[in-house]
N, C-alpha and C. Protein backbone atom coordinates (compact mmCIF):
# COMPACT_ATOMS: atom_id res chain seq x y z
N MET A 1 77.51 258.34 139.35
CA MET A 1 76.43 257.79 140.08
C MET A 1 76.33 256.31 139.74
N THR A 2 76.30 255.56 140.74
CA THR A 2 76.23 254.13 140.54
C THR A 2 74.80 253.68 140.69
N SER A 3 74.44 252.72 139.82
CA SER A 3 73.07 252.22 139.89
C SER A 3 73.05 250.95 140.71
N THR A 4 72.00 250.81 141.39
CA THR A 4 71.84 249.63 142.23
C THR A 4 71.23 248.53 141.39
N PRO A 5 71.42 247.31 141.81
CA PRO A 5 70.85 246.22 141.03
C PRO A 5 69.34 246.31 140.92
N ALA A 6 68.66 246.81 141.86
CA ALA A 6 67.20 246.91 141.79
C ALA A 6 66.79 247.94 140.75
N THR A 7 67.45 249.08 140.71
CA THR A 7 67.14 250.09 139.69
C THR A 7 67.50 249.59 138.31
N GLU A 8 68.55 248.88 138.20
CA GLU A 8 68.94 248.31 136.89
C GLU A 8 67.89 247.31 136.42
N ILE A 9 67.39 246.52 137.32
CA ILE A 9 66.35 245.53 136.96
C ILE A 9 65.08 246.26 136.54
N GLN A 10 64.69 247.31 137.25
CA GLN A 10 63.49 248.07 136.89
C GLN A 10 63.64 248.71 135.51
N ARG A 11 64.82 249.25 135.24
CA ARG A 11 65.07 249.85 133.92
C ARG A 11 64.95 248.79 132.83
N LYS A 12 65.52 247.62 133.04
CA LYS A 12 65.44 246.53 132.06
C LYS A 12 63.99 246.08 131.87
N VAL A 13 63.23 245.99 132.95
CA VAL A 13 61.83 245.58 132.85
C VAL A 13 61.05 246.60 132.04
N ARG A 14 61.25 247.91 132.28
CA ARG A 14 60.57 248.97 131.50
C ARG A 14 60.97 248.89 130.03
N GLN A 15 62.25 248.65 129.76
CA GLN A 15 62.73 248.54 128.37
C GLN A 15 62.08 247.33 127.69
N LEU A 16 62.03 246.21 128.35
CA LEU A 16 61.40 245.01 127.79
C LEU A 16 59.90 245.22 127.60
N ASP A 17 59.27 245.91 128.54
CA ASP A 17 57.84 246.20 128.42
C ASP A 17 57.58 247.09 127.21
N ASN A 18 58.43 248.08 127.02
CA ASN A 18 58.30 248.97 125.84
C ASN A 18 58.52 248.17 124.54
N ASP A 19 59.49 247.27 124.57
CA ASP A 19 59.76 246.44 123.39
C ASP A 19 58.55 245.55 123.06
N VAL A 20 57.95 244.96 124.08
CA VAL A 20 56.77 244.11 123.87
C VAL A 20 55.62 244.94 123.31
N THR A 21 55.41 246.13 123.84
CA THR A 21 54.36 247.01 123.34
C THR A 21 54.61 247.37 121.88
N ASP A 22 55.83 247.68 121.53
CA ASP A 22 56.18 248.00 120.14
C ASP A 22 55.96 246.79 119.22
N ILE A 23 56.32 245.62 119.71
CA ILE A 23 56.12 244.39 118.90
C ILE A 23 54.64 244.16 118.65
N TYR A 24 53.80 244.32 119.71
CA TYR A 24 52.36 244.14 119.52
C TYR A 24 51.80 245.20 118.56
N SER A 25 52.31 246.39 118.62
CA SER A 25 51.88 247.45 117.70
C SER A 25 52.23 247.08 116.26
N MET A 26 53.43 246.58 116.06
CA MET A 26 53.84 246.16 114.70
C MET A 26 52.99 244.99 114.21
N LEU A 27 52.73 244.03 115.09
CA LEU A 27 51.90 242.88 114.71
C LEU A 27 50.48 243.32 114.33
N THR A 28 49.94 244.29 115.06
CA THR A 28 48.61 244.82 114.74
C THR A 28 48.62 245.49 113.37
N SER A 29 49.68 246.24 113.10
CA SER A 29 49.81 246.90 111.79
C SER A 29 49.94 245.87 110.67
N ILE A 30 50.72 244.84 110.90
CA ILE A 30 50.90 243.78 109.90
C ILE A 30 49.57 243.06 109.65
N GLN A 31 48.84 242.78 110.73
CA GLN A 31 47.56 242.10 110.61
C GLN A 31 46.57 242.95 109.80
N ALA A 32 46.55 244.25 110.02
CA ALA A 32 45.66 245.14 109.27
C ALA A 32 46.03 245.13 107.78
N GLY A 33 47.32 245.15 107.50
CA GLY A 33 47.76 245.09 106.10
C GLY A 33 47.38 243.78 105.44
N GLN A 34 47.51 242.68 106.17
CA GLN A 34 47.11 241.38 105.62
C GLN A 34 45.61 241.32 105.35
N GLN A 35 44.81 241.91 106.22
CA GLN A 35 43.36 241.93 106.00
C GLN A 35 43.01 242.75 104.77
N ARG A 36 43.67 243.90 104.59
CA ARG A 36 43.43 244.71 103.38
C ARG A 36 43.81 243.92 102.12
N GLN A 37 44.95 243.23 102.18
CA GLN A 37 45.37 242.42 101.03
C GLN A 37 44.41 241.27 100.78
N ALA A 38 43.90 240.65 101.82
CA ALA A 38 42.94 239.55 101.65
C ALA A 38 41.66 240.06 100.99
N HIS A 39 41.19 241.24 101.40
CA HIS A 39 40.00 241.82 100.77
C HIS A 39 40.27 242.14 99.30
N ARG A 40 41.43 242.66 99.03
CA ARG A 40 41.79 242.99 97.64
C ARG A 40 41.89 241.73 96.79
N ILE A 41 42.48 240.68 97.35
CA ILE A 41 42.58 239.40 96.62
C ILE A 41 41.18 238.86 96.33
N ASP A 42 40.27 239.00 97.30
CA ASP A 42 38.88 238.56 97.07
C ASP A 42 38.23 239.35 95.93
N GLU A 43 38.49 240.66 95.88
CA GLU A 43 37.95 241.49 94.80
C GLU A 43 38.51 241.05 93.45
N VAL A 44 39.81 240.83 93.40
CA VAL A 44 40.45 240.41 92.16
C VAL A 44 39.92 239.03 91.74
N ASP A 45 39.74 238.14 92.69
CA ASP A 45 39.21 236.81 92.39
C ASP A 45 37.79 236.90 91.83
N ARG A 46 36.97 237.77 92.43
CA ARG A 46 35.60 237.96 91.94
C ARG A 46 35.62 238.50 90.50
N LYS A 47 36.46 239.49 90.25
CA LYS A 47 36.58 240.05 88.89
C LYS A 47 37.08 238.98 87.91
N LEU A 48 38.01 238.17 88.36
CA LEU A 48 38.53 237.10 87.50
C LEU A 48 37.43 236.14 87.11
N HIS A 49 36.57 235.79 88.07
CA HIS A 49 35.46 234.90 87.76
C HIS A 49 34.47 235.56 86.79
N GLU A 50 34.24 236.87 86.96
CA GLU A 50 33.36 237.59 86.03
C GLU A 50 33.95 237.57 84.62
N HIS A 51 35.24 237.85 84.51
CA HIS A 51 35.88 237.83 83.19
C HIS A 51 35.87 236.43 82.60
N ASP A 52 36.08 235.44 83.43
CA ASP A 52 36.05 234.05 82.97
C ASP A 52 34.69 233.71 82.38
N ALA A 53 33.63 234.14 83.06
CA ALA A 53 32.27 233.89 82.55
C ALA A 53 32.05 234.63 81.24
N ARG A 54 32.53 235.87 81.15
CA ARG A 54 32.38 236.62 79.90
C ARG A 54 33.14 235.95 78.77
N PHE A 55 34.36 235.48 79.04
CA PHE A 55 35.14 234.81 78.00
C PHE A 55 34.47 233.50 77.57
N ASP A 56 33.85 232.79 78.51
CA ASP A 56 33.11 231.58 78.13
C ASP A 56 31.98 231.91 77.16
N GLY A 57 31.27 233.02 77.44
CA GLY A 57 30.21 233.45 76.55
C GLY A 57 30.74 233.84 75.17
N ILE A 58 31.84 234.57 75.16
CA ILE A 58 32.44 234.98 73.88
C ILE A 58 32.93 233.76 73.11
N THR A 59 33.54 232.82 73.81
CA THR A 59 34.02 231.60 73.15
C THR A 59 32.85 230.83 72.53
N ALA A 60 31.75 230.73 73.27
CA ALA A 60 30.57 230.02 72.74
C ALA A 60 30.06 230.72 71.48
N LYS A 61 30.03 232.06 71.51
CA LYS A 61 29.56 232.79 70.32
C LYS A 61 30.51 232.58 69.15
N LEU A 62 31.82 232.60 69.42
CA LEU A 62 32.79 232.39 68.35
C LEU A 62 32.66 230.99 67.75
N VAL A 63 32.46 229.99 68.60
CA VAL A 63 32.30 228.63 68.10
C VAL A 63 31.05 228.53 67.24
N GLU A 64 29.96 229.15 67.71
CA GLU A 64 28.72 229.13 66.93
C GLU A 64 28.91 229.86 65.60
N HIS A 65 29.56 231.01 65.64
CA HIS A 65 29.81 231.78 64.42
C HIS A 65 30.70 231.00 63.47
N ASP A 66 31.74 230.38 64.02
CA ASP A 66 32.66 229.60 63.19
C ASP A 66 31.94 228.44 62.53
N ALA A 67 31.04 227.78 63.29
CA ALA A 67 30.29 226.66 62.71
C ALA A 67 29.39 227.15 61.57
N ARG A 68 28.72 228.29 61.81
CA ARG A 68 27.87 228.83 60.74
C ARG A 68 28.72 229.25 59.55
N SER A 69 29.85 229.88 59.83
CA SER A 69 30.74 230.32 58.76
C SER A 69 31.27 229.14 57.97
N MET A 70 31.66 228.07 58.68
CA MET A 70 32.17 226.88 57.99
C MET A 70 31.06 226.28 57.12
N TRP A 71 29.84 226.21 57.66
CA TRP A 71 28.73 225.66 56.88
C TRP A 71 28.48 226.52 55.66
N SER A 72 28.53 227.82 55.83
CA SER A 72 28.32 228.74 54.71
C SER A 72 29.41 228.57 53.66
N ARG A 73 30.66 228.46 54.12
CA ARG A 73 31.76 228.29 53.17
C ARG A 73 31.65 226.94 52.45
N ALA A 74 31.29 225.89 53.17
CA ALA A 74 31.15 224.57 52.55
C ALA A 74 30.02 224.60 51.52
N SER A 75 28.92 225.25 51.88
CA SER A 75 27.79 225.35 50.96
C SER A 75 28.19 226.13 49.71
N SER A 76 28.93 227.21 49.90
CA SER A 76 29.39 228.02 48.77
C SER A 76 30.34 227.21 47.88
N MET A 77 31.25 226.47 48.50
CA MET A 77 32.17 225.65 47.72
C MET A 77 31.42 224.56 46.96
N TRP A 78 30.39 223.98 47.59
CA TRP A 78 29.58 222.97 46.93
C TRP A 78 28.88 223.56 45.71
N SER A 79 28.35 224.77 45.85
CA SER A 79 27.68 225.44 44.73
C SER A 79 28.66 225.71 43.60
N ARG A 80 29.85 226.18 43.95
CA ARG A 80 30.84 226.44 42.91
C ARG A 80 31.28 225.15 42.22
N ALA A 81 31.46 224.09 43.00
CA ALA A 81 31.86 222.81 42.41
C ALA A 81 30.76 222.29 41.49
N SER A 82 29.52 222.44 41.93
CA SER A 82 28.40 221.99 41.11
C SER A 82 28.34 222.79 39.82
N SER A 83 28.55 224.09 39.93
CA SER A 83 28.55 224.95 38.74
C SER A 83 29.69 224.56 37.79
N MET A 84 30.86 224.30 38.36
CA MET A 84 31.99 223.90 37.53
C MET A 84 31.72 222.54 36.87
N TRP A 85 31.09 221.63 37.60
CA TRP A 85 30.74 220.32 37.04
C TRP A 85 29.78 220.48 35.87
N SER A 86 28.79 221.37 36.04
CA SER A 86 27.84 221.63 34.94
C SER A 86 28.55 222.19 33.72
N ARG A 87 29.43 223.15 33.94
CA ARG A 87 30.17 223.73 32.82
C ARG A 87 31.08 222.70 32.16
N ALA A 88 31.73 221.87 32.99
CA ALA A 88 32.59 220.83 32.43
C ALA A 88 31.78 219.85 31.61
N SER A 89 30.60 219.50 32.12
CA SER A 89 29.75 218.56 31.39
C SER A 89 29.31 219.15 30.07
N SER A 90 28.91 220.42 30.07
CA SER A 90 28.47 221.02 28.81
C SER A 90 29.65 221.20 27.86
N THR A 91 30.83 221.51 28.37
CA THR A 91 32.02 221.63 27.52
C THR A 91 32.37 220.28 26.93
N ARG A 92 32.31 219.27 27.76
CA ARG A 92 32.61 217.91 27.29
C ARG A 92 31.64 217.51 26.19
N SER A 93 30.39 217.84 26.42
CA SER A 93 29.37 217.51 25.43
C SER A 93 29.65 218.22 24.11
N SER A 94 30.02 219.50 24.18
CA SER A 94 30.26 220.23 22.94
C SER A 94 31.57 219.80 22.29
N VAL A 95 32.56 219.43 23.08
CA VAL A 95 33.84 219.02 22.51
C VAL A 95 33.71 217.65 21.86
N CYS A 96 33.02 216.71 22.53
CA CYS A 96 32.97 215.34 22.04
C CYS A 96 31.90 215.11 20.99
N CYS A 97 30.87 215.90 21.03
CA CYS A 97 29.75 215.58 20.18
C CYS A 97 29.50 216.59 19.07
N ASP A 98 30.25 217.62 19.01
CA ASP A 98 30.04 218.62 17.98
C ASP A 98 31.00 218.34 16.83
N PRO A 99 30.46 218.05 15.65
CA PRO A 99 31.34 217.76 14.51
C PRO A 99 32.24 218.93 14.15
N ALA A 100 31.86 220.14 14.50
CA ALA A 100 32.69 221.29 14.16
C ALA A 100 34.02 221.23 14.93
N ASP A 101 34.00 220.62 16.11
CA ASP A 101 35.22 220.52 16.90
C ASP A 101 36.13 219.40 16.40
N ARG A 102 35.66 218.59 15.47
CA ARG A 102 36.45 217.47 14.98
C ARG A 102 37.75 217.95 14.33
N SER A 103 37.68 219.08 13.73
CA SER A 103 38.87 219.62 13.07
C SER A 103 39.93 220.04 14.08
N LEU A 104 39.52 220.27 15.32
CA LEU A 104 40.47 220.67 16.33
C LEU A 104 41.21 219.46 16.93
N GLY A 105 40.74 218.24 16.60
CA GLY A 105 41.41 217.05 17.08
C GLY A 105 41.11 216.70 18.52
N PHE A 106 39.96 217.11 19.03
CA PHE A 106 39.63 216.83 20.43
C PHE A 106 38.96 215.49 20.63
N GLN A 107 38.55 214.82 19.57
CA GLN A 107 37.79 213.59 19.75
C GLN A 107 38.60 212.55 20.51
N GLY A 108 37.97 211.89 21.40
CA GLY A 108 38.59 210.80 22.13
C GLY A 108 39.59 211.21 23.19
N ARG A 109 39.91 212.49 23.29
CA ARG A 109 40.91 212.90 24.29
C ARG A 109 40.30 213.02 25.68
N MET A 110 39.04 213.32 25.75
CA MET A 110 38.40 213.41 27.05
C MET A 110 37.79 212.08 27.41
N ARG A 111 37.83 211.74 28.64
CA ARG A 111 37.28 210.47 29.09
C ARG A 111 35.81 210.39 28.74
N GLY A 112 35.40 209.28 28.19
CA GLY A 112 34.01 209.11 27.84
C GLY A 112 33.69 209.50 26.41
N CYS A 113 34.58 210.17 25.73
CA CYS A 113 34.34 210.52 24.34
C CYS A 113 34.67 209.30 23.47
N SER A 114 33.92 209.18 22.44
CA SER A 114 34.19 208.03 21.56
C SER A 114 34.84 208.52 20.28
N ASP A 115 35.48 207.63 19.59
CA ASP A 115 36.11 207.97 18.32
C ASP A 115 35.07 208.02 17.17
N ASP A 116 33.90 207.48 17.45
CA ASP A 116 32.86 207.45 16.41
C ASP A 116 32.07 208.73 16.46
N TRP A 117 32.22 209.52 15.42
CA TRP A 117 31.44 210.76 15.34
C TRP A 117 30.16 210.47 14.63
N PRO A 118 29.09 211.11 15.01
CA PRO A 118 27.82 210.85 14.31
C PRO A 118 27.84 211.34 12.88
């Protein structure tokens, strides 16, 4: 059976029409997928901003805690240094000024001690 040019043209037009319909169907499906992804990206972005705000709060608390901790440690070190200074001063006093220590030969070895014993 031979086809006439008119029937061949009609068949081609139907085939092209079906192809166009399929393309529009695919484009609609792609557009729906892109919209779902856009909504999901918006959700993730919102969560990211929430986490960012939480981390800012945690960072502020850590900085505050660290500052208090540093101040506490500095104060503690100052107290220990002061205590050591007091002990060193009293040791120096007993080493340099106590005649009983003269036999140990400590006189004049520490800064500020004199060779003249009372």
